[in-house]
Amino acid sequence: MNNKNFKFPDTSAYNFVINGLKEKGISLEDIADMAYDLQSVFFDNLTKEEMMKNTIKRDA
């Protein structure tokens, strides 16, 4: 990133992506479920709640 005015997290980009997913009928819970299905093979003690909590971390 060469733009000194760039601030992370970029709220407008985040909102753009979240709204685009919603328009397609995809929720953060859907993404957490998919991530759980993929990762639970490797982590026996993983929970869906953990995946939902860590799917999207937004501090903005």
N, C-alpha and C. Protein backbone atom coordinates (compact mmCIF):
# COMPACT_ATOMS: atom_id res chain seq x y z
N MET A 1 0.83 -1.18 0.00
CA MET A 1 0.00 0.00 0.00
C MET A 1 0.88 1.25 0.00
N ASN A 2 0.73 2.03 -1.01
CA ASN A 2 1.48 3.27 -1.08
C ASN A 2 0.63 4.48 -0.73
N ASN A 3 -0.65 4.27 -0.41
CA ASN A 3 -1.55 5.36 -0.09
C ASN A 3 -1.48 5.66 1.40
N LYS A 4 -0.92 6.80 1.78
CA LYS A 4 -0.76 7.16 3.19
C LYS A 4 -2.10 7.44 3.86
N ASN A 5 -3.14 7.71 3.08
CA ASN A 5 -4.46 8.00 3.63
C ASN A 5 -5.29 6.74 3.86
N PHE A 6 -4.77 5.58 3.46
CA PHE A 6 -5.49 4.33 3.64
C PHE A 6 -5.55 3.97 5.12
N LYS A 7 -6.75 3.69 5.58
CA LYS A 7 -6.93 3.29 6.98
C LYS A 7 -7.48 1.88 7.01
N PHE A 8 -6.93 1.06 7.85
CA PHE A 8 -7.40 -0.31 8.00
C PHE A 8 -8.09 -0.44 9.33
N PRO A 9 -9.22 -1.07 9.44
CA PRO A 9 -9.95 -1.66 8.32
C PRO A 9 -10.73 -0.62 7.54
N ASP A 10 -10.83 -0.85 6.26
CA ASP A 10 -11.54 0.04 5.35
C ASP A 10 -13.03 -0.25 5.45
N THR A 11 -13.76 0.60 6.15
CA THR A 11 -15.17 0.38 6.42
C THR A 11 -16.00 0.34 5.14
N SER A 12 -15.70 1.18 4.19
CA SER A 12 -16.50 1.18 2.97
C SER A 12 -16.30 -0.11 2.17
N ALA A 13 -15.08 -0.61 2.13
CA ALA A 13 -14.82 -1.88 1.44
C ALA A 13 -15.51 -3.03 2.17
N TYR A 14 -15.44 -3.03 3.49
CA TYR A 14 -16.10 -4.05 4.30
C TYR A 14 -17.61 -4.05 4.01
N ASN A 15 -18.22 -2.87 4.07
CA ASN A 15 -19.66 -2.76 3.83
C ASN A 15 -20.01 -3.18 2.41
N PHE A 16 -19.18 -2.85 1.44
CA PHE A 16 -19.41 -3.24 0.05
C PHE A 16 -19.45 -4.76 -0.07
N VAL A 17 -18.50 -5.43 0.54
CA VAL A 17 -18.42 -6.89 0.45
C VAL A 17 -19.60 -7.53 1.19
N ILE A 18 -19.88 -7.07 2.41
CA ILE A 18 -20.98 -7.64 3.19
C ILE A 18 -22.31 -7.45 2.47
N ASN A 19 -22.54 -6.28 1.91
CA ASN A 19 -23.78 -6.03 1.17
C ASN A 19 -23.86 -6.89 -0.10
N GLY A 20 -22.74 -7.07 -0.78
CA GLY A 20 -22.71 -7.93 -1.96
C GLY A 20 -23.04 -9.37 -1.61
N LEU A 21 -22.51 -9.85 -0.49
CA LEU A 21 -22.83 -11.21 -0.05
C LEU A 21 -24.31 -11.33 0.30
N LYS A 22 -24.84 -10.34 1.02
CA LYS A 22 -26.26 -10.36 1.39
C LYS A 22 -27.15 -10.39 0.16
N GLU A 23 -26.80 -9.63 -0.86
CA GLU A 23 -27.58 -9.62 -2.10
C GLU A 23 -27.62 -10.99 -2.76
N LYS A 24 -26.59 -11.78 -2.53
CA LYS A 24 -26.52 -13.12 -3.10
C LYS A 24 -27.08 -14.17 -2.14
N GLY A 25 -27.59 -13.71 -0.99
CA GLY A 25 -28.18 -14.63 -0.02
C GLY A 25 -27.16 -15.36 0.84
N ILE A 26 -25.98 -14.78 0.97
CA ILE A 26 -24.90 -15.41 1.76
C ILE A 26 -24.71 -14.62 3.04
N SER A 27 -24.79 -15.31 4.17
CA SER A 27 -24.61 -14.65 5.47
C SER A 27 -23.24 -15.00 6.04
N LEU A 28 -22.85 -14.25 7.05
CA LEU A 28 -21.59 -14.56 7.73
C LEU A 28 -21.68 -15.93 8.38
N GLU A 29 -22.87 -16.31 8.82
CA GLU A 29 -23.05 -17.65 9.41
C GLU A 29 -22.81 -18.73 8.35
N ASP A 30 -23.24 -18.50 7.11
CA ASP A 30 -22.97 -19.45 6.02
C ASP A 30 -21.47 -19.63 5.84
N ILE A 31 -20.74 -18.54 5.86
CA ILE A 31 -19.28 -18.60 5.69
C ILE A 31 -18.64 -19.33 6.87
N ALA A 32 -19.12 -19.04 8.08
CA ALA A 32 -18.60 -19.72 9.27
C ALA A 32 -18.87 -21.22 9.19
N ASP A 33 -20.05 -21.61 8.72
CA ASP A 33 -20.38 -23.03 8.58
C ASP A 33 -19.45 -23.72 7.59
N MET A 34 -19.19 -23.05 6.46
CA MET A 34 -18.27 -23.63 5.46
C MET A 34 -16.86 -23.75 6.03
N ALA A 35 -16.42 -22.71 6.72
CA ALA A 35 -15.08 -22.74 7.31
C ALA A 35 -14.99 -23.85 8.35
N TYR A 36 -16.05 -24.02 9.15
CA TYR A 36 -16.06 -25.08 10.15
C TYR A 36 -15.95 -26.45 9.48
N ASP A 37 -16.74 -26.65 8.43
CA ASP A 37 -16.71 -27.94 7.72
C ASP A 37 -15.32 -28.24 7.18
N LEU A 38 -14.63 -27.22 6.69
CA LEU A 38 -13.29 -27.42 6.14
C LEU A 38 -12.23 -27.60 7.22
N GLN A 39 -12.33 -26.86 8.32
CA GLN A 39 -11.29 -26.86 9.35
C GLN A 39 -11.47 -27.91 10.44
N SER A 40 -12.70 -28.36 10.65
CA SER A 40 -12.95 -29.32 11.74
C SER A 40 -12.24 -30.64 11.51
N VAL A 41 -11.88 -30.93 10.28
CA VAL A 41 -11.11 -32.13 9.96
C VAL A 41 -9.75 -32.09 10.64
N PHE A 42 -9.21 -30.89 10.79
CA PHE A 42 -7.87 -30.72 11.34
C PHE A 42 -7.85 -30.38 12.83
N PHE A 43 -8.97 -29.86 13.34
CA PHE A 43 -9.04 -29.44 14.74
C PHE A 43 -10.24 -30.09 15.42
N ASP A 44 -9.96 -31.09 16.27
CA ASP A 44 -11.03 -31.86 16.91
C ASP A 44 -11.91 -31.03 17.84
N ASN A 45 -11.34 -30.06 18.51
CA ASN A 45 -12.09 -29.30 19.51
C ASN A 45 -12.69 -28.00 18.96
N LEU A 46 -12.69 -27.82 17.66
CA LEU A 46 -13.23 -26.63 17.03
C LEU A 46 -14.76 -26.61 17.13
N THR A 47 -15.32 -25.46 17.42
CA THR A 47 -16.78 -25.34 17.49
C THR A 47 -17.27 -24.36 16.43
N LYS A 48 -18.55 -24.50 16.08
CA LYS A 48 -19.14 -23.57 15.11
C LYS A 48 -19.19 -22.16 15.70
N GLU A 49 -19.39 -22.07 17.01
CA GLU A 49 -19.41 -20.76 17.66
C GLU A 49 -18.07 -20.06 17.51
N GLU A 50 -16.98 -20.83 17.67
CA GLU A 50 -15.64 -20.28 17.48
C GLU A 50 -15.45 -19.76 16.06
N MET A 51 -15.92 -20.54 15.11
CA MET A 51 -15.77 -20.14 13.71
C MET A 51 -16.58 -18.88 13.42
N MET A 52 -17.77 -18.77 13.99
CA MET A 52 -18.59 -17.58 13.77
C MET A 52 -17.90 -16.36 14.37
N LYS A 53 -17.36 -16.53 15.56
CA LYS A 53 -16.67 -15.43 16.23
C LYS A 53 -15.46 -14.95 15.43
N ASN A 54 -14.77 -15.89 14.80
CA ASN A 54 -13.53 -15.56 14.10
C ASN A 54 -13.66 -15.44 12.59
N THR A 55 -14.87 -15.61 12.06
CA THR A 55 -15.05 -15.49 10.62
C THR A 55 -14.73 -14.10 10.14
N ILE A 56 -15.36 -13.12 10.76
CA ILE A 56 -15.12 -11.74 10.40
C ILE A 56 -14.82 -10.97 11.67
N LYS A 57 -13.60 -10.51 11.80
CA LYS A 57 -13.25 -9.66 12.93
C LYS A 57 -13.28 -8.24 12.44
N ARG A 58 -14.16 -7.46 13.01
CA ARG A 58 -14.29 -6.08 12.57
C ARG A 58 -14.15 -5.18 13.78
N ASP A 59 -13.10 -4.37 13.79
CA ASP A 59 -12.83 -3.48 14.88
C ASP A 59 -13.22 -2.04 14.56
N ALA A 60 -13.81 -1.83 13.41
CA ALA A 60 -14.16 -0.47 12.99
C ALA A 60 -15.48 -0.04 13.57
